[in-house]
């Protein structure tokens, strides 16, 4: 079957990206990989369904792929969160889907493709498989110098707005040995930056070892030759303790960066969201984190959650105005079916949600420029990601790929992708820096 061309479209979050890379690892020896979706004999779409806009993008992508059936496409495979959540409906309403798999069902993807090619019989498998994490040698789709490392799957937090536990199941950690082995494999491929991700990295290890093991994992990954930066994504505020803060201070490979999904600061809203922290503790946590020199704190917020009053929103405004957060992603609340919050009576008008999101982003835009200006004249280490005309494009220790700002770098000599250089910041824009190599 090596004469068949395989294409992949991966939508949604970085955890989806890793799933895509994993199942590509099981298929690469059997098929020719193509980046031209229209030329593919087999096309896999790894979908997202976290919020309404993500669902719509996934459906639109599937329908666009259906058109390829009149050209080369012989096998259309739909996988991922949308498949897990709405599998039967998709399978019935879009008969052009040949194979439909949920997020817990990647282990048989090669067999299903081979079976369909032989028999032409459509296949659906999106059943629950608890305590399962799909693992395989990965085909990296990120640039050759950084990669994501998913340390656990699923979530036990059951926030009232979130559908993830019903899609990806309960929290399941990968064991330390497996993750270290994968880290070594990635380093051998030239990876220099590991971005640790999970729905909740701070609960890593509790299910396997009876206690949190994130710090031990960080230290073991730090011992891998070739790995220079380790970055933390999605650390829940209630589990960020003094030991983790100390590790951020003292571990030279651990980026002075942490992504904390706070969602809100009003106690009333936090309670309705079923979050496990409160306003006073959030303020105290931010204060403690600021003891880490040059720490960058990123968060995600939800505005327009059911019952959010002007007073609740004012608390959020004040929190952002005080420059507590360096980088922010703001979402308007999405009323997702089969979540508790979707049944709440006091839904907020869509126009109010949009106004509140725009207000927070406007405040943060001003904050960001001010925070960035304080770094002008200083020297930082940067990693080179790409080149654009006269500038190299890189990131500093406190900039995560795809979601944070970048630094445009002038250099009198050629730089390589993935190279680390010392850069002096000479100016800044609202979210990005301009620098020169020292």
Protein backbone atom coordinates (compact mmCIF):
# COMPACT_ATOMS: atom_id res chain seq x y z
CA UNK A 1 0.00 0.00 0.00
CA UNK A 2 3.07 2.25 -0.14
CA UNK A 3 1.74 3.56 -3.45
CA UNK A 4 -1.21 5.16 -1.62
CA UNK A 5 -0.77 8.75 -0.48
CA UNK A 6 -1.83 9.67 3.07
CA UNK A 7 -2.74 13.21 4.11
CA UNK A 8 -3.63 14.52 7.56
CA UNK A 9 -5.44 17.63 8.80
CA UNK A 10 -5.04 18.24 12.54
CA UNK A 11 -7.38 20.76 14.18
CA UNK A 12 -7.65 22.10 17.71
CA UNK A 13 -5.21 22.00 20.59
CA UNK A 14 -1.64 20.80 20.99
CA UNK A 15 -2.88 17.61 22.63
CA UNK A 16 -4.61 16.84 19.33
CA UNK A 17 -1.34 17.56 17.52
CA UNK A 18 0.38 14.90 19.62
CA UNK A 19 -2.38 12.36 18.88
CA UNK A 20 -1.91 13.09 15.17
CA UNK A 21 1.85 12.62 15.44
CA UNK A 22 1.35 9.36 17.34
CA UNK A 23 -0.99 7.72 14.84
CA UNK A 24 1.13 8.97 11.94
CA UNK A 25 3.94 7.00 13.53
CA UNK A 26 1.94 3.78 13.04
CA UNK A 27 1.11 4.62 9.41
CA UNK A 28 4.28 6.14 7.94
CA UNK A 29 5.82 2.80 6.93
CA UNK A 30 2.66 1.73 5.10
CA UNK A 31 1.79 4.84 3.09
CA UNK A 32 3.44 7.77 1.35
CA UNK A 33 2.82 10.95 3.37
CA UNK A 34 1.63 13.95 1.35
CA UNK A 35 1.12 17.56 2.39
CA UNK A 36 -1.29 18.10 -0.51
CA UNK A 37 -4.71 17.22 0.87
CA UNK A 38 -6.35 17.12 -2.56
CA UNK A 39 -3.75 14.62 -3.81
CA UNK A 40 -4.32 12.19 -0.92
CA UNK A 41 -5.77 8.73 -1.47
CA UNK A 42 -6.38 8.53 2.28
CA UNK A 43 -7.21 11.65 4.29
CA UNK A 44 -7.43 11.74 8.09
CA UNK A 45 -9.10 14.71 9.78
CA UNK A 46 -8.37 14.95 13.51
CA UNK A 47 -11.20 17.12 14.83
CA UNK A 48 -11.88 19.42 17.80
CA UNK A 49 -15.17 20.15 19.56
CA UNK A 50 -14.20 22.11 22.67
CA UNK A 51 -16.40 25.11 21.87
CA UNK A 52 -18.92 25.99 19.18
CA UNK A 53 -16.44 27.67 16.84
CA UNK A 54 -14.15 24.62 16.99
CA UNK A 55 -17.06 22.30 16.18
CA UNK A 56 -18.01 24.41 13.19
CA UNK A 57 -14.44 24.48 11.88
CA UNK A 58 -14.26 20.68 12.17
CA UNK A 59 -17.56 20.17 10.33
CA UNK A 60 -16.59 22.64 7.60
CA UNK A 61 -13.28 20.82 7.13
CA UNK A 62 -15.01 17.45 6.83
CA UNK A 63 -17.48 18.81 4.26
CA UNK A 64 -14.64 20.36 2.25
CA UNK A 65 -12.84 17.00 2.26
CA UNK A 66 -15.98 15.25 1.00
CA UNK A 67 -15.49 17.16 -2.29
CA UNK A 68 -12.17 15.35 -2.79
CA UNK A 69 -14.10 12.10 -3.13
CA UNK A 70 -14.80 13.07 -6.73
CA UNK A 71 -11.02 13.30 -7.33
CA UNK A 72 -8.36 11.07 -5.76
CA UNK A 73 -9.73 10.46 -2.30
CA UNK A 74 -10.53 6.82 -1.63
CA UNK A 75 -10.66 6.71 2.20
CA UNK A 76 -11.93 9.54 4.43
CA UNK A 77 -11.09 9.02 8.11
CA UNK A 78 -12.53 11.31 10.79
CA UNK A 79 -11.04 11.11 14.28
CA UNK A 80 -10.74 13.17 17.45
CA UNK A 81 -13.01 14.99 19.86
CA UNK A 82 -15.89 15.69 17.47
CA UNK A 83 -15.93 12.00 16.52
CA UNK A 84 -16.02 10.99 20.18
CA UNK A 85 -18.76 13.47 21.03
CA UNK A 86 -21.04 13.19 17.99
CA UNK A 87 -19.81 10.03 16.30
CA UNK A 88 -23.11 8.32 15.50
CA UNK A 89 -24.70 11.51 14.19
CA UNK A 90 -21.70 12.27 11.96
CA UNK A 91 -21.56 8.71 10.68
CA UNK A 92 -25.25 8.78 9.75
CA UNK A 93 -25.43 12.30 8.34
CA UNK A 94 -22.19 12.28 6.33
CA UNK A 95 -22.10 8.91 4.52
CA UNK A 96 -18.87 9.91 2.76
CA UNK A 97 -17.04 9.31 6.06
CA UNK A 98 -15.54 5.84 5.64
CA UNK A 99 -13.91 5.40 9.07
CA UNK A 100 -14.81 7.26 12.26
CA UNK A 101 -12.69 6.93 15.40
CA UNK A 102 -12.89 8.54 18.84
CA UNK A 103 -9.91 9.79 20.86
CA UNK A 104 -9.58 6.47 22.69
CA UNK A 105 -9.54 4.33 19.54
CA UNK A 106 -6.34 5.12 17.65
CA UNK A 107 -4.68 1.77 18.41
CA UNK A 108 -6.50 0.06 15.51
CA UNK A 109 -6.28 2.87 12.94
CA UNK A 110 -4.00 0.96 10.55
CA UNK A 111 -6.13 -2.19 10.76
CA UNK A 112 -9.31 -0.20 10.09
CA UNK A 113 -7.80 1.48 7.02
CA UNK A 114 -6.58 -1.87 5.66
CA UNK A 115 -9.98 -3.48 6.34
CA UNK A 116 -11.84 -0.70 4.56
CA UNK A 117 -9.56 -0.88 1.52
CA UNK A 118 -10.20 -4.63 1.31
CA UNK A 119 -13.94 -4.69 2.00
CA UNK A 120 -15.31 -1.18 1.39
CA UNK A 121 -17.36 -1.59 4.57
CA UNK A 122 -17.66 1.59 6.67
CA UNK A 123 -16.26 1.45 10.22
CA UNK A 124 -17.16 3.35 13.39
CA UNK A 125 -15.35 2.92 16.71
CA UNK A 126 -15.72 5.67 19.31
CA UNK A 127 -16.40 3.60 22.40
CA UNK A 128 -14.93 4.50 25.80
CA UNK A 129 -11.69 2.84 26.86
CA UNK A 130 -10.78 3.93 30.38
CA UNK A 131 -7.17 4.22 31.58
CA UNK A 132 -5.84 4.09 28.03
CA UNK A 133 -3.14 6.36 26.61
CA UNK A 134 -2.18 5.73 23.00
CA UNK A 135 1.60 5.69 22.59
CA UNK A 136 3.72 5.29 19.47
CA UNK A 137 6.89 6.62 17.90
CA UNK A 138 5.88 10.03 16.60
CA UNK A 139 6.20 11.73 13.25
CA UNK A 140 6.79 15.31 14.33
CA UNK A 141 4.69 17.99 12.66
CA UNK A 142 6.17 20.89 14.64
CA UNK A 143 9.43 22.58 13.64
CA UNK A 144 12.46 20.35 14.20
CA UNK A 145 13.62 22.05 17.39
CA UNK A 146 10.58 21.97 19.70
CA UNK A 147 7.92 19.42 20.52
CA UNK A 148 4.99 18.90 22.85
CA UNK A 149 5.09 16.13 25.43
CA UNK A 150 1.68 14.99 26.70
CA UNK A 151 2.26 13.73 30.23
CA UNK A 152 -1.31 12.67 31.03
CA UNK A 153 -4.70 12.28 29.44
CA UNK A 154 -8.19 13.22 30.58
CA UNK A 155 -9.32 15.30 33.54
CA UNK A 156 -11.05 14.83 36.91
CA UNK A 157 -11.91 18.48 37.55
CA UNK A 158 -15.39 18.43 35.98
CA UNK A 159 -15.74 22.19 35.55
CA UNK A 160 -19.34 23.00 34.74
CA UNK A 161 -18.51 24.65 31.40
CA UNK A 162 -16.19 21.94 30.08
CA UNK A 163 -16.97 18.85 28.00
CA UNK A 164 -13.40 17.45 28.03
CA UNK A 165 -13.86 14.83 30.81
CA UNK A 166 -16.78 13.35 28.85
CA UNK A 167 -14.68 13.22 25.69
CA UNK A 168 -11.25 12.21 26.97
CA UNK A 169 -12.20 10.44 30.19
CA UNK A 170 -10.71 10.58 33.66
CA UNK A 171 -7.17 11.70 34.43
CA UNK A 172 -4.57 9.08 33.49
CA UNK A 173 -0.82 9.72 33.85
CA UNK A 174 1.90 8.22 31.71
CA UNK A 175 4.69 6.71 33.78
CA UNK A 176 7.94 8.62 34.25
CA UNK A 177 10.05 6.01 32.48
CA UNK A 178 7.89 6.22 29.34
CA UNK A 179 8.05 10.02 29.28
CA UNK A 180 11.82 10.12 29.84
CA UNK A 181 12.30 7.59 27.04
CA UNK A 182 10.20 9.72 24.73
CA UNK A 183 12.11 12.81 25.80
CA UNK A 184 15.38 11.08 24.89
CA UNK A 185 13.92 10.00 21.54
CA UNK A 186 12.85 13.58 20.81
CA UNK A 187 16.27 14.92 21.80
CA UNK A 188 17.88 12.46 19.38
CA UNK A 189 15.65 13.93 16.65
CA UNK A 190 17.09 17.38 17.37
CA UNK A 191 14.41 18.67 19.75
CA UNK A 192 15.78 21.30 22.14
CA UNK A 193 12.56 22.59 23.75
CA UNK A 194 10.00 20.33 25.43
CA UNK A 195 6.57 21.77 26.14
CA UNK A 196 4.85 19.69 28.81
CA UNK A 197 1.09 19.62 28.32
CA UNK A 198 -1.96 17.92 29.76
CA UNK A 199 -5.42 19.02 30.67
CA UNK A 200 -3.99 19.49 34.18
CA UNK A 201 -0.23 18.94 34.54
CA UNK A 202 -0.18 19.73 38.26
CA UNK A 203 -2.02 16.49 39.10
CA UNK A 204 0.53 14.45 37.21
CA UNK A 205 1.36 11.15 38.88
CA UNK A 206 -1.34 11.06 41.56
CA UNK A 207 -3.13 8.12 39.92
CA UNK A 208 0.07 6.11 39.40
CA UNK A 209 2.16 6.97 42.43
CA UNK A 210 -0.33 8.20 45.03
CA UNK A 211 1.25 11.67 45.04
CA UNK A 212 2.09 14.50 42.65
CA UNK A 213 5.23 13.74 40.66
CA UNK A 214 5.51 16.73 38.31
CA UNK A 215 8.72 18.03 39.90
CA UNK A 216 10.41 14.62 39.74
CA UNK A 217 9.41 14.34 36.09
CA UNK A 218 10.78 17.83 35.33
CA UNK A 219 14.09 16.95 36.99
CA UNK A 220 14.47 13.67 35.10
CA UNK A 221 13.66 15.36 31.78
CA UNK A 222 16.18 18.07 32.67
CA UNK A 223 18.92 15.41 32.75
CA UNK A 224 18.43 14.60 29.06
CA UNK A 225 21.34 15.78 26.93
CA UNK A 226 20.21 18.12 24.17
CA UNK A 227 17.10 19.39 25.94
CA UNK A 228 17.71 23.05 26.82
CA UNK A 229 14.24 24.42 27.62
CA UNK A 230 11.28 22.80 29.39
CA UNK A 231 8.01 24.72 29.41
CA UNK A 232 4.85 24.18 31.50
CA UNK A 233 1.32 24.42 30.12
CA UNK A 234 -1.98 24.21 32.00
CA UNK A 235 -0.98 24.19 35.65
CA UNK A 236 -4.10 24.50 37.79
CA UNK A 237 -3.78 27.24 40.43
CA UNK A 238 -4.83 25.20 43.45
CA UNK A 239 -1.98 22.71 42.90
CA UNK A 240 0.87 25.16 42.31
CA UNK A 241 2.78 24.79 45.58
CA UNK A 242 5.93 26.28 47.03
CA UNK A 243 8.01 23.35 45.73
CA UNK A 244 6.99 23.99 42.13
CA UNK A 245 7.68 27.70 42.53
CA UNK A 246 11.14 26.87 43.92
CA UNK A 247 11.78 24.60 40.92
CA UNK A 248 10.89 27.49 38.60
CA UNK A 249 13.42 29.61 40.47
CA UNK A 250 16.31 27.16 40.52
CA UNK A 251 16.09 24.78 37.55
CA UNK A 252 18.11 26.37 34.71
CA UNK A 253 16.31 24.31 32.04
CA UNK A 254 12.81 25.15 33.27
CA UNK A 255 11.52 28.21 31.43
CA UNK A 256 10.48 31.08 33.67
CA UNK A 257 7.00 30.69 32.28
CA UNK A 258 3.77 29.09 33.47
CA UNK A 259 0.34 28.79 31.88
CA UNK A 260 -2.40 28.85 34.55
CA UNK A 261 -6.05 28.54 33.40
CA UNK A 262 -7.66 30.85 35.97
CA UNK A 263 -10.93 31.47 34.03
CA UNK A 264 -12.18 34.13 36.50
CA UNK A 265 -11.53 35.80 39.86
CA UNK A 266 -15.07 36.36 41.18
CA UNK A 267 -15.73 33.79 43.91
CA UNK A 268 -19.37 33.54 42.85
CA UNK A 269 -18.42 32.68 39.28
CA UNK A 270 -15.59 30.37 40.33
CA UNK A 271 -18.03 28.43 42.52
CA UNK A 272 -20.56 28.19 39.68
CA UNK A 273 -17.77 26.96 37.41
CA UNK A 274 -16.90 24.30 40.03
CA UNK A 275 -13.34 25.62 40.16
CA UNK A 276 -11.27 24.71 43.21
CA UNK A 277 -9.67 28.06 43.98
CA UNK A 278 -10.87 31.48 45.09
CA UNK A 279 -10.03 35.13 44.52
CA UNK A 280 -7.80 35.62 47.59
CA UNK A 281 -5.80 32.51 46.81
CA UNK A 282 -5.34 33.61 43.20
CA UNK A 283 -3.93 36.96 44.29
CA UNK A 284 -1.63 35.21 46.79
CA UNK A 285 -0.46 32.75 44.13
CA UNK A 286 0.40 35.54 41.69
CA UNK A 287 2.36 37.31 44.43
CA UNK A 288 4.31 34.15 45.22
CA UNK A 289 5.05 33.46 41.56
CA UNK A 290 6.45 36.97 41.15
CA UNK A 291 9.27 35.90 43.47
CA UNK A 292 10.62 33.99 40.46
CA UNK A 293 12.87 36.45 38.60
CA UNK A 294 11.48 37.38 35.16
CA UNK A 295 8.56 34.95 35.49
CA UNK A 296 5.93 35.24 32.77
CA UNK A 297 2.41 34.21 33.75
CA UNK A 298 -0.09 33.31 31.07
CA UNK A 299 -3.77 32.59 31.65
CA UNK A 300 -7.07 31.94 29.91
CA UNK A 301 -10.27 33.69 30.98
CA UNK A 302 -13.96 33.16 30.28
CA UNK A 303 -16.26 36.19 30.14
CA UNK A 304 -20.03 36.04 29.99
CA UNK A 305 -20.36 32.89 32.08
CA UNK A 306 -23.99 32.36 33.20
CA UNK A 307 -24.80 34.73 36.05
CA UNK A 308 -21.79 37.01 35.48
CA UNK A 309 -22.98 40.44 36.60
CA UNK A 310 -21.37 43.83 36.03
CA UNK A 311 -19.94 43.52 39.53
CA UNK A 312 -18.38 40.12 38.78
CA UNK A 313 -16.91 41.46 35.57
CA UNK A 314 -15.56 44.52 37.39
CA UNK A 315 -13.52 42.20 39.64
CA UNK A 316 -11.99 40.65 36.54
CA UNK A 317 -11.30 44.08 35.04
CA UNK A 318 -9.52 45.23 38.20
CA UNK A 319 -7.46 42.04 38.31
CA UNK A 320 -6.21 42.63 34.77
CA UNK A 321 -5.74 46.38 35.25
CA UNK A 322 -3.33 45.62 38.10
CA UNK A 323 -1.00 43.94 35.59
CA UNK A 324 -1.15 40.59 37.35
CA UNK A 325 -0.93 38.63 34.10
CA UNK A 326 1.61 38.94 31.28
CA UNK A 327 -0.20 37.03 28.51
CA UNK A 328 -3.94 36.38 28.23
CA UNK A 329 -6.35 34.44 26.07
CA UNK A 330 -9.97 35.56 26.54
CA UNK A 331 -12.94 33.42 25.49
CA UNK A 332 -16.61 34.28 25.47
CA UNK A 333 -18.58 31.58 27.28
CA UNK A 334 -19.82 28.87 24.91
CA UNK A 335 -23.01 27.08 25.99
CA UNK A 336 -21.99 23.49 25.37
CA UNK A 337 -24.65 20.79 25.49
CA UNK A 338 -24.22 18.04 28.08
CA UNK A 339 -22.41 20.39 30.43
CA UNK A 340 -23.92 21.57 33.71
CA UNK A 341 -23.51 25.26 32.88
CA UNK A 342 -25.57 24.86 29.71
CA UNK A 343 -28.63 24.27 31.90
CA UNK A 344 -28.17 27.40 34.01
CA UNK A 345 -31.04 29.86 33.61
CA UNK A 346 -29.14 33.14 33.70
CA UNK A 347 -27.28 32.96 30.38
CA UNK A 348 -25.57 36.20 29.34
CA UNK A 349 -26.46 38.00 26.11
CA UNK A 350 -23.96 37.36 23.30
CA UNK A 351 -23.36 41.06 22.66
CA UNK A 352 -22.47 41.60 26.32
CA UNK A 353 -20.02 38.71 26.16
CA UNK A 354 -18.28 40.24 23.15
CA UNK A 355 -18.10 43.70 24.76
CA UNK A 356 -16.59 42.21 27.90
CA UNK A 357 -14.02 40.21 25.95
CA UNK A 358 -13.04 43.29 23.95
CA UNK A 359 -12.73 45.32 27.15
CA UNK A 360 -10.35 42.81 28.76
CA UNK A 361 -8.27 42.58 25.60
CA UNK A 362 -8.10 46.37 25.35
CA UNK A 363 -6.79 46.64 28.91
CA UNK A 364 -4.28 43.87 28.33
CA UNK A 365 -3.08 45.43 25.08
CA UNK A 366 -2.05 48.54 27.01
CA UNK A 367 -0.56 46.44 29.80
CA UNK A 368 1.43 44.33 27.38
CA UNK A 369 3.14 47.31 25.74
CA UNK A 370 4.08 48.69 29.15
CA UNK A 371 5.39 45.34 30.40
CA UNK A 372 7.41 44.80 27.23
CA UNK A 373 8.94 48.29 27.34
CA UNK A 374 10.51 47.43 30.69
CA UNK A 375 12.64 44.81 28.94
CA UNK A 376 14.12 47.19 26.34
CA UNK A 377 17.90 47.32 26.63
CA UNK A 378 18.16 43.95 28.35
CA UNK A 379 19.82 40.83 26.94
CA UNK A 380 17.96 37.51 26.76
CA UNK A 381 18.54 34.15 25.17
CA UNK A 382 16.36 33.47 22.12
CA UNK A 383 15.65 30.40 20.01
CA UNK A 384 15.38 30.89 16.24
CA UNK A 385 12.12 29.59 14.74
CA UNK A 386 12.18 30.92 11.15
CA UNK A 387 13.25 33.73 8.84
CA UNK A 388 11.12 36.45 7.25
CA UNK A 389 12.86 38.70 4.75
CA UNK A 390 15.53 40.67 6.64
CA UNK A 391 14.56 39.41 10.09
CA UNK A 392 14.93 36.12 11.88
CA UNK A 393 11.89 35.25 13.97
CA UNK A 394 12.59 33.84 17.38
CA UNK A 395 11.20 33.40 20.86
CA UNK A 396 12.54 34.26 24.26
CA UNK A 397 12.41 32.01 27.31
CA UNK A 398 9.03 33.53 28.24
CA UNK A 399 7.33 33.15 24.82
CA UNK A 400 5.51 29.93 23.96
CA UNK A 401 5.05 29.07 20.26
CA UNK A 402 1.79 29.94 18.55
CA UNK A 403 0.11 31.73 21.46
CA UNK A 404 2.51 34.40 22.71
CA UNK A 405 4.52 37.14 21.08
CA UNK A 406 7.76 36.75 19.14
CA UNK A 407 11.00 38.65 18.68
CA UNK A 408 12.20 39.93 15.29
CA UNK A 409 15.97 39.61 15.24
CA UNK A 410 18.56 41.41 13.15
CA UNK A 411 21.81 39.51 12.67
CA UNK A 412 24.96 40.27 10.68
CA UNK A 413 25.60 36.56 10.16
CA UNK A 414 23.45 33.59 9.22
CA UNK A 415 21.50 31.84 11.95
CA UNK A 416 20.11 28.31 11.92
CA UNK A 417 16.62 27.23 12.88
CA UNK A 418 16.70 25.96 16.45
CA UNK A 419 19.88 27.86 17.26
CA UNK A 420 20.10 29.69 20.60
CA UNK A 421 21.51 33.22 20.50
CA UNK A 422 21.88 36.10 22.93
CA UNK A 423 19.73 39.00 21.84
CA UNK A 424 19.52 42.59 23.01
CA UNK A 425 16.00 44.03 22.92
CA UNK A 426 16.04 47.38 21.14
CA UNK A 427 12.30 48.13 20.83
CA UNK A 428 8.86 46.60 21.13
CA UNK A 429 5.37 46.66 19.68
CA UNK A 430 2.14 45.76 21.51
CA UNK A 431 3.01 42.08 21.83
CA UNK A 432 6.33 41.57 20.02
CA UNK A 433 9.97 42.61 20.41
CA UNK A 434 12.65 43.74 17.99
CA UNK A 435 16.18 42.75 18.91
CA UNK A 436 19.71 42.32 17.64
CA UNK A 437 22.20 39.52 18.14
CA UNK A 438 24.99 40.31 20.55
